[in-house]
Amino acid sequence: GVELPKAEAYLKKYINETKEPEPDSPIIAGAHWSLGLVFEKEGRKAEARSELETAVRLKPDFEQAKRDLKRLK
């Protein structure tokens, strides 16, 4: 929770520049989930919900993202 702006920048870069993740790399849905958690910690609830919704849309069986989204609604 100390370097949230840096985490946000790295996650956005990963999301925007990754077309096909390398084997053993984080899935795009996971990056959206992580970015959602960063936004939540920054108090940006609407943006957090949007990222979590994207994570669930990309990976419908992403249970942790579903739980976090439910918690934020």
Protein backbone atom coordinates (compact mmCIF):
# COMPACT_ATOMS: atom_id res chain seq x y z
CA GLY A 1 0.00 0.00 0.00
CA VAL A 2 3.02 2.31 -0.03
CA GLU A 3 3.70 2.70 -3.74
CA LEU A 4 0.20 2.60 -5.16
CA PRO A 5 0.86 5.08 -8.01
CA LYS A 6 3.81 2.97 -9.17
CA ALA A 7 1.72 -0.21 -8.99
CA GLU A 8 -1.04 1.52 -10.97
CA ALA A 9 1.42 2.57 -13.67
CA TYR A 10 2.94 -0.91 -14.00
CA LEU A 11 -0.44 -2.63 -14.15
CA LYS A 12 -1.80 -0.20 -16.74
CA LYS A 13 1.31 -0.71 -18.86
CA TYR A 14 0.96 -4.49 -18.61
CA ILE A 15 -2.73 -4.35 -19.55
CA ASN A 16 -2.18 -1.96 -22.46
CA GLU A 17 0.91 -3.61 -23.92
CA THR A 18 0.17 -7.31 -23.43
CA LYS A 19 -1.71 -8.96 -26.24
CA GLU A 20 -0.94 -12.59 -25.38
CA PRO A 21 0.66 -13.18 -21.98
CA GLU A 22 3.79 -15.31 -21.95
CA PRO A 23 3.44 -18.75 -20.35
CA ASP A 24 3.60 -18.42 -16.56
CA SER A 25 2.82 -14.68 -16.78
CA PRO A 26 -0.15 -13.14 -15.01
CA ILE A 27 -3.40 -13.34 -16.92
CA ILE A 28 -4.93 -10.09 -18.11
CA ALA A 29 -7.97 -10.64 -15.90
CA GLY A 30 -5.62 -10.86 -12.92
CA ALA A 31 -4.01 -7.57 -13.86
CA HIS A 32 -7.44 -5.90 -14.01
CA TRP A 33 -8.28 -7.41 -10.60
CA SER A 34 -5.03 -6.13 -9.11
CA LEU A 35 -5.58 -2.69 -10.60
CA GLY A 36 -9.07 -2.69 -9.10
CA LEU A 37 -7.60 -3.39 -5.68
CA VAL A 38 -5.10 -0.55 -6.13
CA PHE A 39 -7.93 1.83 -7.04
CA GLU A 40 -9.89 0.67 -4.00
CA LYS A 41 -6.94 1.42 -1.70
CA GLU A 42 -6.68 4.86 -3.29
CA GLY A 43 -10.37 5.48 -2.55
CA ARG A 44 -11.34 5.38 -6.24
CA LYS A 45 -14.33 3.05 -5.81
CA ALA A 46 -15.99 3.57 -9.22
CA GLU A 47 -12.75 2.82 -11.05
CA ALA A 48 -12.15 -0.17 -8.77
CA ARG A 49 -15.59 -1.61 -9.60
CA SER A 50 -14.98 -1.08 -13.31
CA GLU A 51 -11.67 -2.99 -13.21
CA LEU A 52 -13.19 -5.82 -11.18
CA GLU A 53 -16.11 -6.04 -13.61
CA THR A 54 -13.61 -6.30 -16.46
CA ALA A 55 -11.73 -9.07 -14.66
CA VAL A 56 -14.95 -11.07 -14.19
CA ARG A 57 -16.01 -10.46 -17.79
CA LEU A 58 -12.65 -11.75 -19.07
CA LYS A 59 -12.62 -14.73 -16.70
CA PRO A 60 -16.15 -15.58 -15.52
CA ASP A 61 -14.89 -18.19 -13.03
CA PHE A 62 -12.59 -15.68 -11.25
CA GLU A 63 -14.07 -16.19 -7.79
CA GLN A 64 -11.82 -13.76 -5.88
CA ALA A 65 -12.67 -10.95 -8.31
CA LYS A 66 -16.38 -11.80 -7.94
CA ARG A 67 -16.11 -11.62 -4.13
CA ASP A 68 -14.27 -8.30 -4.25
CA LEU A 69 -16.78 -6.88 -6.71
CA LYS A 70 -19.68 -7.96 -4.50
CA ARG A 71 -17.96 -6.36 -1.50
CA LEU A 72 -17.58 -3.04 -3.35
CA LYS A 73 -21.16 -2.83 -4.59
